[in-house]
Amino acid sequence: MYQQMIFVNLCVNDLGASKKFFTELGYSINEQFSDDSTASVVISDTIVVMVHTQEKYAQFTKKQIADATKTSEVLIALSAESREKVDELVEKAVAAGGSVSGETQDHGFMYGRAFDDPDGHTFEVVWMDPAAVQG
């Protein structure tokens, strides 16, 4: 069966710093789809974050490009396999130059935290109890 993919395109101020940030979180860069203006960050087999320089990103839109440190243009939510993995990824993000965003959400069956990357894009990391999802 065909697995649909998602490609999240983000504008970044420093491509090298962005690549360093995401690799420090444990993600890889697909060099085949990367160059001096774009990096293809592989989150999973079906999720890819394309980080672009301002000049490259501007080629895809006629709209004003949001400054993610001042304006929320998107909230990116990633699942995690456990509460511990939520904490682990957020801690890696902070150690790599990101910052904690918002408050920890703990609803028992669901646990989530968020971080902002160095350019201000918000990533939410969420774990849900599989029993709650099934029933």
N, C-alpha and C. Protein backbone atom coordinates (compact mmCIF):
# COMPACT_ATOMS: atom_id res chain seq x y z
N MET A 1 0.84 -1.18 0.00
CA MET A 1 0.00 0.00 0.00
C MET A 1 0.89 1.25 0.00
N TYR A 2 0.48 2.24 -0.75
CA TYR A 2 1.21 3.50 -0.84
C TYR A 2 1.17 4.24 0.49
N GLN A 3 2.35 4.70 0.96
CA GLN A 3 2.42 5.49 2.18
C GLN A 3 2.64 6.94 1.79
N GLN A 4 1.66 7.77 2.08
CA GLN A 4 1.78 9.18 1.77
C GLN A 4 2.83 9.80 2.67
N MET A 5 3.58 10.74 2.12
CA MET A 5 4.64 11.41 2.87
C MET A 5 4.24 12.85 3.14
N ILE A 6 4.89 13.46 4.11
CA ILE A 6 4.73 14.88 4.35
C ILE A 6 6.11 15.53 4.28
N PHE A 7 6.17 16.64 3.56
CA PHE A 7 7.38 17.44 3.44
C PHE A 7 7.06 18.80 4.03
N VAL A 8 7.65 19.12 5.17
CA VAL A 8 7.44 20.41 5.82
C VAL A 8 8.58 21.32 5.34
N ASN A 9 8.23 22.44 4.74
CA ASN A 9 9.21 23.39 4.23
C ASN A 9 9.31 24.57 5.18
N LEU A 10 10.52 24.85 5.64
CA LEU A 10 10.74 25.93 6.60
C LEU A 10 11.84 26.86 6.09
N CYS A 11 11.66 28.14 6.37
CA CYS A 11 12.67 29.14 6.04
C CYS A 11 13.57 29.32 7.26
N VAL A 12 14.89 29.28 7.04
CA VAL A 12 15.84 29.42 8.14
C VAL A 12 16.83 30.53 7.85
N ASN A 13 17.38 31.09 8.90
CA ASN A 13 18.34 32.18 8.77
C ASN A 13 19.76 31.70 8.49
N ASP A 14 20.11 30.54 9.01
CA ASP A 14 21.47 30.01 8.87
C ASP A 14 21.35 28.52 8.57
N LEU A 15 21.52 28.16 7.31
CA LEU A 15 21.33 26.78 6.89
C LEU A 15 22.28 25.83 7.62
N GLY A 16 23.53 26.21 7.77
CA GLY A 16 24.49 25.37 8.47
C GLY A 16 24.10 25.11 9.91
N ALA A 17 23.65 26.17 10.59
CA ALA A 17 23.22 26.02 11.99
C ALA A 17 21.98 25.14 12.08
N SER A 18 21.09 25.27 11.13
CA SER A 18 19.88 24.45 11.13
C SER A 18 20.23 22.97 10.91
N LYS A 19 21.12 22.69 9.96
CA LYS A 19 21.55 21.31 9.73
C LYS A 19 22.19 20.73 10.99
N LYS A 20 23.04 21.50 11.64
CA LYS A 20 23.70 21.06 12.87
C LYS A 20 22.67 20.76 13.95
N PHE A 21 21.69 21.66 14.11
CA PHE A 21 20.64 21.49 15.11
C PHE A 21 19.91 20.16 14.90
N PHE A 22 19.42 19.91 13.69
CA PHE A 22 18.63 18.71 13.45
C PHE A 22 19.47 17.43 13.53
N THR A 23 20.72 17.47 13.12
CA THR A 23 21.54 16.27 13.25
C THR A 23 21.85 15.99 14.72
N GLU A 24 21.95 17.04 15.53
CA GLU A 24 22.16 16.82 16.97
C GLU A 24 20.93 16.22 17.64
N LEU A 25 19.77 16.33 17.01
CA LEU A 25 18.57 15.68 17.53
C LEU A 25 18.52 14.21 17.11
N GLY A 26 19.45 13.81 16.26
CA GLY A 26 19.50 12.42 15.83
C GLY A 26 18.95 12.18 14.44
N TYR A 27 18.55 13.23 13.73
CA TYR A 27 18.02 13.09 12.38
C TYR A 27 19.16 13.17 11.37
N SER A 28 18.90 12.65 10.18
CA SER A 28 19.94 12.67 9.14
C SER A 28 19.58 13.65 8.04
N ILE A 29 20.60 14.03 7.28
CA ILE A 29 20.43 14.91 6.12
C ILE A 29 20.53 14.04 4.87
N ASN A 30 19.53 14.11 4.01
CA ASN A 30 19.57 13.40 2.74
C ASN A 30 20.30 14.30 1.75
N GLU A 31 21.55 13.98 1.51
CA GLU A 31 22.40 14.82 0.65
C GLU A 31 21.92 14.86 -0.79
N GLN A 32 21.20 13.84 -1.22
CA GLN A 32 20.69 13.80 -2.59
C GLN A 32 19.74 14.98 -2.86
N PHE A 33 19.02 15.42 -1.85
CA PHE A 33 18.05 16.50 -2.00
C PHE A 33 18.47 17.75 -1.23
N SER A 34 19.76 17.91 -1.02
CA SER A 34 20.31 19.06 -0.30
C SER A 34 21.35 19.75 -1.17
N ASP A 35 21.50 21.05 -0.96
CA ASP A 35 22.55 21.81 -1.65
C ASP A 35 22.91 23.01 -0.78
N ASP A 36 23.49 24.04 -1.37
CA ASP A 36 23.92 25.18 -0.56
C ASP A 36 22.78 26.11 -0.15
N SER A 37 21.54 25.80 -0.58
CA SER A 37 20.39 26.63 -0.20
C SER A 37 19.29 25.84 0.48
N THR A 38 19.42 24.51 0.52
CA THR A 38 18.37 23.64 1.07
C THR A 38 19.01 22.42 1.74
N ALA A 39 18.40 22.00 2.84
CA ALA A 39 18.79 20.72 3.45
C ALA A 39 17.53 19.89 3.65
N SER A 40 17.64 18.62 3.29
CA SER A 40 16.55 17.68 3.44
C SER A 40 16.78 16.88 4.72
N VAL A 41 16.01 17.19 5.76
CA VAL A 41 16.16 16.55 7.07
C VAL A 41 15.18 15.39 7.16
N VAL A 42 15.69 14.19 7.32
CA VAL A 42 14.86 12.99 7.37
C VAL A 42 14.45 12.73 8.82
N ILE A 43 13.16 12.91 9.09
CA ILE A 43 12.61 12.65 10.43
C ILE A 43 12.23 11.18 10.54
N SER A 44 11.59 10.66 9.49
CA SER A 44 11.21 9.24 9.42
C SER A 44 11.07 8.87 7.95
N ASP A 45 10.63 7.65 7.69
CA ASP A 45 10.43 7.22 6.30
C ASP A 45 9.37 8.05 5.59
N THR A 46 8.48 8.68 6.33
CA THR A 46 7.38 9.41 5.71
C THR A 46 7.34 10.91 6.07
N ILE A 47 8.31 11.38 6.85
CA ILE A 47 8.33 12.79 7.25
C ILE A 47 9.70 13.38 6.94
N VAL A 48 9.70 14.46 6.16
CA VAL A 48 10.93 15.14 5.80
C VAL A 48 10.74 16.64 6.04
N VAL A 49 11.69 17.27 6.70
CA VAL A 49 11.68 18.72 6.87
C VAL A 49 12.69 19.30 5.90
N MET A 50 12.20 20.14 5.02
CA MET A 50 13.07 20.81 4.05
C MET A 50 13.35 22.21 4.61
N VAL A 51 14.61 22.46 4.98
CA VAL A 51 14.97 23.79 5.49
C VAL A 51 15.67 24.54 4.36
N HIS A 52 15.21 25.77 4.14
CA HIS A 52 15.67 26.58 3.01
C HIS A 52 16.20 27.92 3.49
N THR A 53 17.18 28.44 2.76
CA THR A 53 17.60 29.82 2.99
C THR A 53 16.45 30.74 2.61
N GLN A 54 16.51 31.98 3.07
CA GLN A 54 15.47 32.97 2.73
C GLN A 54 15.29 33.08 1.22
N GLU A 55 16.40 33.17 0.50
CA GLU A 55 16.35 33.33 -0.95
C GLU A 55 15.67 32.15 -1.63
N LYS A 56 16.00 30.94 -1.20
CA LYS A 56 15.41 29.74 -1.80
C LYS A 56 13.93 29.65 -1.45
N TYR A 57 13.59 29.87 -0.18
CA TYR A 57 12.20 29.78 0.26
C TYR A 57 11.32 30.77 -0.51
N ALA A 58 11.85 31.96 -0.77
CA ALA A 58 11.10 33.00 -1.48
C ALA A 58 10.74 32.57 -2.90
N GLN A 59 11.43 31.60 -3.45
CA GLN A 59 11.11 31.10 -4.79
C GLN A 59 9.81 30.29 -4.80
N PHE A 60 9.35 29.85 -3.62
CA PHE A 60 8.16 29.01 -3.54
C PHE A 60 6.89 29.78 -3.20
N THR A 61 7.01 31.05 -2.86
CA THR A 61 5.82 31.81 -2.44
C THR A 61 5.95 33.28 -2.82
N LYS A 62 4.80 33.90 -3.06
CA LYS A 62 4.77 35.34 -3.29
C LYS A 62 4.37 36.07 -2.00
N LYS A 63 4.04 35.30 -0.97
CA LYS A 63 3.63 35.87 0.31
C LYS A 63 4.85 36.34 1.10
N GLN A 64 4.61 37.23 2.03
CA GLN A 64 5.66 37.65 2.95
C GLN A 64 6.06 36.44 3.80
N ILE A 65 7.35 36.26 3.99
CA ILE A 65 7.84 35.14 4.79
C ILE A 65 7.78 35.52 6.26
N ALA A 66 7.16 34.65 7.04
CA ALA A 66 6.98 34.90 8.47
C ALA A 66 8.31 34.81 9.21
N ASP A 67 8.47 35.66 10.20
CA ASP A 67 9.58 35.56 11.14
C ASP A 67 9.06 34.69 12.28
N ALA A 68 9.48 33.44 12.30
CA ALA A 68 8.94 32.48 13.26
C ALA A 68 9.27 32.81 14.71
N THR A 69 10.18 33.75 14.94
CA THR A 69 10.46 34.17 16.32
C THR A 69 9.41 35.16 16.80
N LYS A 70 8.61 35.71 15.87
CA LYS A 70 7.61 36.72 16.22
C LYS A 70 6.19 36.32 15.84
N THR A 71 6.07 35.44 14.87
CA THR A 71 4.77 35.04 14.33
C THR A 71 4.70 33.53 14.27
N SER A 72 3.58 32.96 14.66
CA SER A 72 3.42 31.52 14.55
C SER A 72 2.85 31.22 13.18
N GLU A 73 3.65 30.58 12.34
CA GLU A 73 3.15 30.23 11.01
C GLU A 73 2.69 28.79 10.94
N VAL A 74 3.20 27.95 11.83
CA VAL A 74 2.84 26.54 11.84
C VAL A 74 3.27 25.93 13.16
N LEU A 75 2.54 24.93 13.63
CA LEU A 75 2.96 24.11 14.77
C LEU A 75 3.15 22.71 14.22
N ILE A 76 4.34 22.18 14.38
CA ILE A 76 4.65 20.86 13.85
C ILE A 76 4.62 19.88 15.03
N ALA A 77 3.77 18.87 14.92
CA ALA A 77 3.64 17.90 16.00
C ALA A 77 4.25 16.57 15.57
N LEU A 78 5.10 16.02 16.43
CA LEU A 78 5.74 14.73 16.19
C LEU A 78 5.32 13.76 17.29
N SER A 79 5.03 12.53 16.92
CA SER A 79 4.70 11.54 17.93
C SER A 79 5.98 10.99 18.54
N ALA A 80 5.84 10.45 19.75
CA ALA A 80 6.95 9.81 20.44
C ALA A 80 6.45 8.49 21.00
N GLU A 81 7.37 7.53 21.15
CA GLU A 81 6.95 6.20 21.59
C GLU A 81 6.74 6.09 23.09
N SER A 82 7.18 7.08 23.87
CA SER A 82 6.99 7.04 25.32
C SER A 82 7.12 8.44 25.89
N ARG A 83 6.72 8.59 27.15
CA ARG A 83 6.89 9.87 27.84
C ARG A 83 8.37 10.23 27.92
N GLU A 84 9.18 9.20 28.18
CA GLU A 84 10.63 9.42 28.29
C GLU A 84 11.22 9.92 26.98
N LYS A 85 10.71 9.41 25.85
CA LYS A 85 11.21 9.84 24.54
C LYS A 85 10.80 11.29 24.25
N VAL A 86 9.65 11.70 24.76
CA VAL A 86 9.24 13.12 24.65
C VAL A 86 10.29 13.98 25.34
N ASP A 87 10.57 13.65 26.60
CA ASP A 87 11.55 14.43 27.37
C ASP A 87 12.93 14.40 26.72
N GLU A 88 13.32 13.23 26.24
CA GLU A 88 14.64 13.07 25.63
C GLU A 88 14.81 13.98 24.41
N LEU A 89 13.80 14.02 23.54
CA LEU A 89 13.93 14.85 22.33
C LEU A 89 13.93 16.34 22.68
N VAL A 90 13.10 16.75 23.63
CA VAL A 90 13.08 18.16 24.03
C VAL A 90 14.42 18.54 24.66
N GLU A 91 14.97 17.67 25.50
CA GLU A 91 16.27 17.94 26.12
C GLU A 91 17.38 18.03 25.06
N LYS A 92 17.34 17.15 24.05
CA LYS A 92 18.31 17.22 22.96
C LYS A 92 18.19 18.56 22.22
N ALA A 93 16.95 18.98 21.98
CA ALA A 93 16.71 20.23 21.26
C ALA A 93 17.28 21.42 22.02
N VAL A 94 17.07 21.45 23.31
CA VAL A 94 17.59 22.55 24.13
C VAL A 94 19.12 22.52 24.13
N ALA A 95 19.71 21.34 24.27
CA ALA A 95 21.17 21.21 24.27
C ALA A 95 21.76 21.62 22.92
N ALA A 96 20.99 21.47 21.85
CA ALA A 96 21.47 21.79 20.50
C ALA A 96 21.22 23.24 20.11
N GLY A 97 20.65 24.03 21.02
CA GLY A 97 20.45 25.45 20.72
C GLY A 97 19.01 25.88 20.59
N GLY A 98 18.08 24.95 20.77
CA GLY A 98 16.66 25.30 20.76
C GLY A 98 16.23 25.79 22.13
N SER A 99 14.95 26.01 22.28
CA SER A 99 14.42 26.45 23.58
C SER A 99 13.08 25.79 23.85
N VAL A 100 12.76 25.61 25.13
CA VAL A 100 11.48 25.04 25.51
C VAL A 100 10.40 26.03 25.14
N SER A 101 9.32 25.51 24.60
CA SER A 101 8.20 26.36 24.19
C SER A 101 6.94 25.92 24.93
N GLY A 102 6.29 26.83 25.61
CA GLY A 102 5.04 26.51 26.29
C GLY A 102 5.25 25.65 27.52
N GLU A 103 4.13 25.17 28.02
CA GLU A 103 4.10 24.36 29.23
C GLU A 103 3.98 22.88 28.90
N THR A 104 4.48 22.04 29.79
CA THR A 104 4.30 20.59 29.66
C THR A 104 2.82 20.28 29.79
N GLN A 105 2.32 19.44 28.90
CA GLN A 105 0.92 19.00 28.94
C GLN A 105 0.89 17.55 29.41
N ASP A 106 0.28 17.31 30.57
CA ASP A 106 0.20 15.95 31.10
C ASP A 106 -1.25 15.64 31.44
N HIS A 107 -1.89 14.83 30.58
CA HIS A 107 -3.29 14.46 30.76
C HIS A 107 -3.42 12.99 31.14
N GLY A 108 -2.34 12.41 31.63
CA GLY A 108 -2.36 10.99 31.99
C GLY A 108 -2.18 10.10 30.78
N PHE A 109 -3.20 10.04 29.93
CA PHE A 109 -3.15 9.21 28.72
C PHE A 109 -2.36 9.87 27.59
N MET A 110 -2.09 11.17 27.76
CA MET A 110 -1.36 11.92 26.74
C MET A 110 -0.37 12.86 27.43
N TYR A 111 0.84 12.91 26.90
CA TYR A 111 1.90 13.72 27.49
C TYR A 111 2.62 14.43 26.36
N GLY A 112 2.82 15.73 26.53
CA GLY A 112 3.48 16.46 25.48
C GLY A 112 4.28 17.65 25.98
N ARG A 113 5.32 17.94 25.24
CA ARG A 113 6.14 19.13 25.47
C ARG A 113 6.47 19.70 24.10
N ALA A 114 6.99 20.92 24.09
CA ALA A 114 7.32 21.54 22.82
C ALA A 114 8.65 22.28 22.92
N PHE A 115 9.29 22.43 21.75
CA PHE A 115 10.51 23.22 21.67
C PHE A 115 10.47 24.06 20.41
N ASP A 116 11.20 25.15 20.45
CA ASP A 116 11.41 25.99 19.27
C ASP A 116 12.81 25.72 18.77
N ASP A 117 12.96 25.57 17.45
CA ASP A 117 14.30 25.44 16.88
C ASP A 117 14.97 26.81 16.90
N PRO A 118 16.23 26.93 16.53
CA PRO A 118 16.91 28.23 16.62
C PRO A 118 16.26 29.34 15.79
N ASP A 119 15.43 28.97 14.79
CA ASP A 119 14.75 29.98 13.99
C ASP A 119 13.35 30.30 14.51
N GLY A 120 12.94 29.64 15.59
CA GLY A 120 11.64 29.94 16.20
C GLY A 120 10.50 29.04 15.77
N HIS A 121 10.75 28.03 14.92
CA HIS A 121 9.70 27.11 14.51
C HIS A 121 9.38 26.19 15.69
N THR A 122 8.10 26.02 15.98
CA THR A 122 7.68 25.23 17.14
C THR A 122 7.41 23.79 16.74
N PHE A 123 8.03 22.87 17.48
CA PHE A 123 7.82 21.44 17.33
C PHE A 123 7.21 20.91 18.62
N GLU A 124 6.02 20.33 18.53
CA GLU A 124 5.40 19.68 19.67
C GLU A 124 5.74 18.20 19.61
N VAL A 125 6.08 17.61 20.74
CA VAL A 125 6.40 16.19 20.81
C VAL A 125 5.38 15.57 21.76
N VAL A 126 4.64 14.59 21.26
CA VAL A 126 3.49 14.06 22.01
C VAL A 126 3.53 12.54 22.07
N TRP A 127 3.27 12.03 23.27
CA TRP A 127 3.07 10.59 23.47
C TRP A 127 1.62 10.38 23.87
N MET A 128 1.00 9.35 23.29
CA MET A 128 -0.36 8.96 23.68
C MET A 128 -0.37 7.50 24.06
N ASP A 129 -1.03 7.18 25.15
CA ASP A 129 -1.17 5.80 25.60
C ASP A 129 -1.89 5.01 24.50
N PRO A 130 -1.27 3.94 24.00
CA PRO A 130 -1.90 3.17 22.92
C PRO A 130 -3.30 2.66 23.28
N ALA A 131 -3.53 2.35 24.56
CA ALA A 131 -4.86 1.90 24.99
C ALA A 131 -5.90 3.00 24.81
N ALA A 132 -5.52 4.23 25.02
CA ALA A 132 -6.44 5.35 24.86
C ALA A 132 -6.76 5.58 23.39
N VAL A 133 -5.77 5.35 22.54
CA VAL A 133 -5.97 5.54 21.10
C VAL A 133 -6.94 4.48 20.55
N GLN A 134 -6.83 3.25 21.08
CA GLN A 134 -7.68 2.15 20.59
C GLN A 134 -9.10 2.25 21.06
N GLY A 135 -9.30 2.91 22.21
CA GLY A 135 -10.64 2.75 22.74
C GLY A 135 -11.39 3.93 23.13
